Amino acid sequence: MQWKKIVSHHGEGKHQKANHFKVLIFKNSKLPRLLGGVIIILILVHIWFLVLEVLNFIMRIMYYVLCCFIPVARRYIFFILTSEKIRMA
């Protein structure tokens, strides 16, 4: 309960009223926990969406790379295999 200490250390007047309000909010321990939980869930959802965006981007790049390079790679592999066969014979 650090909020009580803050109230006792501050002077009178507006500051004390503000701190009493803080104490009233934070004495009800369900509210901060609930807010914390909601904030954590929102952050996790945000991170998850960012991860999905990155994965989508990577998959798209992989798709384009494969579409471009598979025919070329096929030719090269075929050429290498045929040259090996010719050498073997």
N, C-alpha and C. Protein backbone atom coordinates (compact mmCIF):
# COMPACT_ATOMS: atom_id res chain seq x y z
N MET A 1 0.84 -1.21 0.00
CA MET A 1 0.00 0.00 0.00
C MET A 1 0.87 1.25 0.00
N GLN A 2 1.49 1.53 -1.12
CA GLN A 2 2.36 2.70 -1.25
C GLN A 2 1.55 3.99 -1.36
N TRP A 3 0.31 3.89 -1.80
CA TRP A 3 -0.49 5.10 -2.01
C TRP A 3 -0.77 5.82 -0.70
N LYS A 4 -0.93 5.09 0.41
CA LYS A 4 -1.16 5.71 1.72
C LYS A 4 0.05 6.54 2.13
N LYS A 5 1.25 6.00 1.89
CA LYS A 5 2.48 6.72 2.21
C LYS A 5 2.55 8.04 1.44
N ILE A 6 2.17 8.00 0.17
CA ILE A 6 2.20 9.22 -0.66
C ILE A 6 1.31 10.29 -0.04
N VAL A 7 0.12 9.87 0.44
CA VAL A 7 -0.82 10.83 1.04
C VAL A 7 -0.19 11.46 2.27
N SER A 8 0.41 10.65 3.13
CA SER A 8 0.96 11.17 4.39
C SER A 8 2.15 12.10 4.14
N HIS A 9 2.93 11.85 3.07
CA HIS A 9 4.10 12.69 2.82
C HIS A 9 3.73 14.05 2.22
N HIS A 10 2.64 14.11 1.43
CA HIS A 10 2.28 15.36 0.76
C HIS A 10 1.67 16.37 1.73
N GLY A 11 1.74 17.64 1.34
CA GLY A 11 1.19 18.72 2.16
C GLY A 11 -0.32 18.81 2.04
N GLU A 12 -0.91 19.81 2.76
CA GLU A 12 -2.37 19.99 2.71
C GLU A 12 -2.76 20.69 1.42
N GLY A 13 -4.08 20.80 1.24
CA GLY A 13 -4.61 21.55 0.10
C GLY A 13 -5.03 20.65 -1.04
N LYS A 14 -4.82 21.14 -2.25
CA LYS A 14 -5.28 20.44 -3.45
C LYS A 14 -4.59 19.09 -3.61
N HIS A 15 -3.30 19.06 -3.33
CA HIS A 15 -2.52 17.83 -3.50
C HIS A 15 -3.11 16.69 -2.67
N GLN A 16 -3.42 17.03 -1.42
CA GLN A 16 -3.93 15.99 -0.52
C GLN A 16 -5.27 15.44 -1.03
N LYS A 17 -6.12 16.33 -1.51
CA LYS A 17 -7.41 15.89 -2.05
C LYS A 17 -7.20 14.94 -3.23
N ALA A 18 -6.30 15.33 -4.11
CA ALA A 18 -6.01 14.50 -5.28
C ALA A 18 -5.50 13.13 -4.84
N ASN A 19 -4.63 13.11 -3.85
CA ASN A 19 -4.07 11.85 -3.38
C ASN A 19 -5.11 11.00 -2.66
N HIS A 20 -6.03 11.65 -1.94
CA HIS A 20 -7.11 10.89 -1.32
C HIS A 20 -7.95 10.21 -2.39
N PHE A 21 -8.17 10.91 -3.48
CA PHE A 21 -8.93 10.35 -4.60
C PHE A 21 -8.20 9.13 -5.16
N LYS A 22 -6.87 9.25 -5.31
CA LYS A 22 -6.05 8.13 -5.77
C LYS A 22 -6.20 6.94 -4.83
N VAL A 23 -6.14 7.21 -3.53
CA VAL A 23 -6.25 6.13 -2.55
C VAL A 23 -7.60 5.45 -2.66
N LEU A 24 -8.66 6.25 -2.83
CA LEU A 24 -10.00 5.67 -2.96
C LEU A 24 -10.07 4.75 -4.17
N ILE A 25 -9.46 5.18 -5.28
CA ILE A 25 -9.46 4.34 -6.48
C ILE A 25 -8.66 3.06 -6.22
N PHE A 26 -7.47 3.21 -5.64
CA PHE A 26 -6.57 2.07 -5.52
C PHE A 26 -6.84 1.20 -4.30
N LYS A 27 -7.69 1.68 -3.36
CA LYS A 27 -8.09 0.79 -2.26
C LYS A 27 -8.98 -0.32 -2.80
N ASN A 28 -9.86 0.04 -3.74
CA ASN A 28 -10.70 -0.96 -4.40
C ASN A 28 -9.79 -1.73 -5.36
N SER A 29 -9.23 -2.84 -4.87
CA SER A 29 -8.14 -3.52 -5.59
C SER A 29 -8.60 -4.23 -6.86
N LYS A 30 -9.91 -4.42 -7.03
CA LYS A 30 -10.38 -5.10 -8.24
C LYS A 30 -10.20 -4.23 -9.47
N LEU A 31 -10.37 -2.92 -9.32
CA LEU A 31 -10.31 -2.01 -10.47
C LEU A 31 -8.93 -2.00 -11.12
N PRO A 32 -7.85 -1.78 -10.36
CA PRO A 32 -6.53 -1.79 -11.00
C PRO A 32 -6.19 -3.14 -11.63
N ARG A 33 -6.58 -4.21 -10.95
CA ARG A 33 -6.32 -5.55 -11.51
C ARG A 33 -7.05 -5.73 -12.83
N LEU A 34 -8.31 -5.28 -12.84
CA LEU A 34 -9.12 -5.39 -14.05
C LEU A 34 -8.51 -4.56 -15.17
N LEU A 35 -8.14 -3.32 -14.85
CA LEU A 35 -7.51 -2.44 -15.85
C LEU A 35 -6.21 -3.05 -16.35
N GLY A 36 -5.41 -3.55 -15.43
CA GLY A 36 -4.14 -4.19 -15.79
C GLY A 36 -4.36 -5.37 -16.71
N GLY A 37 -5.34 -6.19 -16.36
CA GLY A 37 -5.67 -7.36 -17.18
C GLY A 37 -6.10 -6.96 -18.58
N VAL A 38 -6.97 -5.95 -18.66
CA VAL A 38 -7.46 -5.48 -19.96
C VAL A 38 -6.31 -4.94 -20.79
N ILE A 39 -5.44 -4.14 -20.16
CA ILE A 39 -4.29 -3.55 -20.86
C ILE A 39 -3.37 -4.65 -21.37
N ILE A 40 -3.09 -5.65 -20.50
CA ILE A 40 -2.20 -6.76 -20.89
C ILE A 40 -2.80 -7.52 -22.07
N ILE A 41 -4.12 -7.78 -22.00
CA ILE A 41 -4.79 -8.51 -23.08
C ILE A 41 -4.70 -7.72 -24.39
N LEU A 42 -4.93 -6.39 -24.30
CA LEU A 42 -4.84 -5.54 -25.50
C LEU A 42 -3.44 -5.58 -26.09
N ILE A 43 -2.42 -5.50 -25.21
CA ILE A 43 -1.03 -5.53 -25.68
C ILE A 43 -0.74 -6.87 -26.37
N LEU A 44 -1.18 -7.97 -25.74
CA LEU A 44 -0.95 -9.30 -26.32
C LEU A 44 -1.64 -9.43 -27.68
N VAL A 45 -2.87 -8.92 -27.77
CA VAL A 45 -3.61 -8.98 -29.05
C VAL A 45 -2.86 -8.18 -30.11
N HIS A 46 -2.38 -6.99 -29.71
CA HIS A 46 -1.64 -6.13 -30.63
C HIS A 46 -0.38 -6.84 -31.13
N ILE A 47 0.36 -7.46 -30.19
CA ILE A 47 1.59 -8.19 -30.55
C ILE A 47 1.25 -9.34 -31.49
N TRP A 48 0.15 -10.05 -31.17
CA TRP A 48 -0.27 -11.19 -32.00
C TRP A 48 -0.56 -10.73 -33.42
N PHE A 49 -1.27 -9.57 -33.56
CA PHE A 49 -1.58 -9.06 -34.90
C PHE A 49 -0.31 -8.65 -35.63
N LEU A 50 0.64 -8.06 -34.90
CA LEU A 50 1.92 -7.70 -35.52
C LEU A 50 2.64 -8.95 -36.02
N VAL A 51 2.64 -10.01 -35.20
CA VAL A 51 3.28 -11.28 -35.58
C VAL A 51 2.61 -11.83 -36.84
N LEU A 52 1.27 -11.79 -36.86
CA LEU A 52 0.54 -12.28 -38.03
C LEU A 52 0.89 -11.47 -39.28
N GLU A 53 1.00 -10.14 -39.12
CA GLU A 53 1.37 -9.28 -40.25
C GLU A 53 2.74 -9.68 -40.78
N VAL A 54 3.70 -9.86 -39.86
CA VAL A 54 5.07 -10.22 -40.25
C VAL A 54 5.07 -11.57 -40.96
N LEU A 55 4.35 -12.55 -40.39
CA LEU A 55 4.27 -13.88 -41.00
C LEU A 55 3.66 -13.81 -42.40
N ASN A 56 2.60 -13.01 -42.53
CA ASN A 56 1.93 -12.84 -43.82
C ASN A 56 2.92 -12.27 -44.84
N PHE A 57 3.67 -11.26 -44.42
CA PHE A 57 4.67 -10.62 -45.28
C PHE A 57 5.73 -11.63 -45.71
N ILE A 58 6.24 -12.41 -44.73
CA ILE A 58 7.28 -13.41 -45.02
C ILE A 58 6.74 -14.46 -45.98
N MET A 59 5.51 -14.92 -45.73
CA MET A 59 4.91 -15.95 -46.59
C MET A 59 4.74 -15.43 -48.01
N ARG A 60 4.35 -14.15 -48.13
CA ARG A 60 4.17 -13.56 -49.45
C ARG A 60 5.50 -13.52 -50.20
N ILE A 61 6.55 -13.09 -49.48
CA ILE A 61 7.89 -13.04 -50.09
C ILE A 61 8.32 -14.44 -50.52
N MET A 62 8.11 -15.42 -49.62
CA MET A 62 8.48 -16.81 -49.93
C MET A 62 7.74 -17.28 -51.17
N TYR A 63 6.45 -16.94 -51.24
CA TYR A 63 5.62 -17.36 -52.38
C TYR A 63 6.18 -16.80 -53.68
N TYR A 64 6.49 -15.48 -53.67
CA TYR A 64 7.03 -14.85 -54.88
C TYR A 64 8.38 -15.46 -55.25
N VAL A 65 9.22 -15.68 -54.23
CA VAL A 65 10.55 -16.25 -54.47
C VAL A 65 10.41 -17.64 -55.09
N LEU A 66 9.53 -18.45 -54.51
CA LEU A 66 9.34 -19.81 -55.03
C LEU A 66 8.78 -19.77 -56.45
N CYS A 67 7.80 -18.89 -56.69
CA CYS A 67 7.21 -18.80 -58.03
C CYS A 67 8.25 -18.38 -59.06
N CYS A 68 9.13 -17.47 -58.66
CA CYS A 68 10.16 -16.98 -59.59
C CYS A 68 11.27 -18.02 -59.78
N PHE A 69 11.70 -18.65 -58.69
CA PHE A 69 12.93 -19.43 -58.73
C PHE A 69 12.75 -20.92 -58.99
N ILE A 70 11.57 -21.47 -58.78
CA ILE A 70 11.40 -22.92 -58.99
C ILE A 70 11.67 -23.30 -60.45
N PRO A 71 11.11 -22.57 -61.44
CA PRO A 71 11.42 -22.96 -62.84
C PRO A 71 12.91 -22.86 -63.15
N VAL A 72 13.54 -21.78 -62.68
CA VAL A 72 14.98 -21.57 -62.91
C VAL A 72 15.77 -22.68 -62.22
N ALA A 73 15.41 -22.96 -60.95
CA ALA A 73 16.10 -23.99 -60.18
C ALA A 73 15.92 -25.36 -60.85
N ARG A 74 14.72 -25.60 -61.37
CA ARG A 74 14.45 -26.87 -62.04
C ARG A 74 15.39 -27.06 -63.24
N ARG A 75 15.53 -25.99 -64.00
CA ARG A 75 16.44 -26.05 -65.16
C ARG A 75 17.86 -26.36 -64.71
N TYR A 76 18.31 -25.64 -63.67
CA TYR A 76 19.69 -25.83 -63.19
C TYR A 76 19.89 -27.25 -62.67
N ILE A 77 18.92 -27.75 -61.90
CA ILE A 77 19.04 -29.11 -61.33
C ILE A 77 19.07 -30.13 -62.48
N PHE A 78 18.18 -29.93 -63.45
CA PHE A 78 18.13 -30.83 -64.61
C PHE A 78 19.47 -30.82 -65.35
N PHE A 79 20.01 -29.60 -65.54
CA PHE A 79 21.29 -29.44 -66.23
C PHE A 79 22.41 -30.14 -65.46
N ILE A 80 22.43 -29.97 -64.12
CA ILE A 80 23.47 -30.59 -63.29
C ILE A 80 23.36 -32.11 -63.37
N LEU A 81 22.12 -32.62 -63.25
CA LEU A 81 21.91 -34.07 -63.29
C LEU A 81 22.33 -34.64 -64.64
N THR A 82 21.94 -33.97 -65.72
CA THR A 82 22.29 -34.47 -67.06
C THR A 82 23.80 -34.44 -67.26
N SER A 83 24.44 -33.36 -66.78
CA SER A 83 25.91 -33.28 -66.93
C SER A 83 26.59 -34.39 -66.12
N GLU A 84 26.04 -34.70 -64.93
CA GLU A 84 26.59 -35.80 -64.12
C GLU A 84 26.44 -37.13 -64.86
N LYS A 85 25.27 -37.33 -65.46
CA LYS A 85 25.02 -38.58 -66.20
C LYS A 85 25.98 -38.71 -67.37
N ILE A 86 26.19 -37.58 -68.06
CA ILE A 86 27.11 -37.59 -69.22
C ILE A 86 28.52 -37.94 -68.75
N ARG A 87 28.92 -37.35 -67.63
CA ARG A 87 30.26 -37.62 -67.09
C ARG A 87 30.39 -39.09 -66.69
N MET A 88 29.31 -39.60 -66.05
CA MET A 88 29.34 -41.00 -65.60
C MET A 88 29.48 -41.93 -66.81
N ALA A 89 28.78 -41.63 -67.89
CA ALA A 89 28.83 -42.45 -69.11
C ALA A 89 30.13 -42.13 -69.85
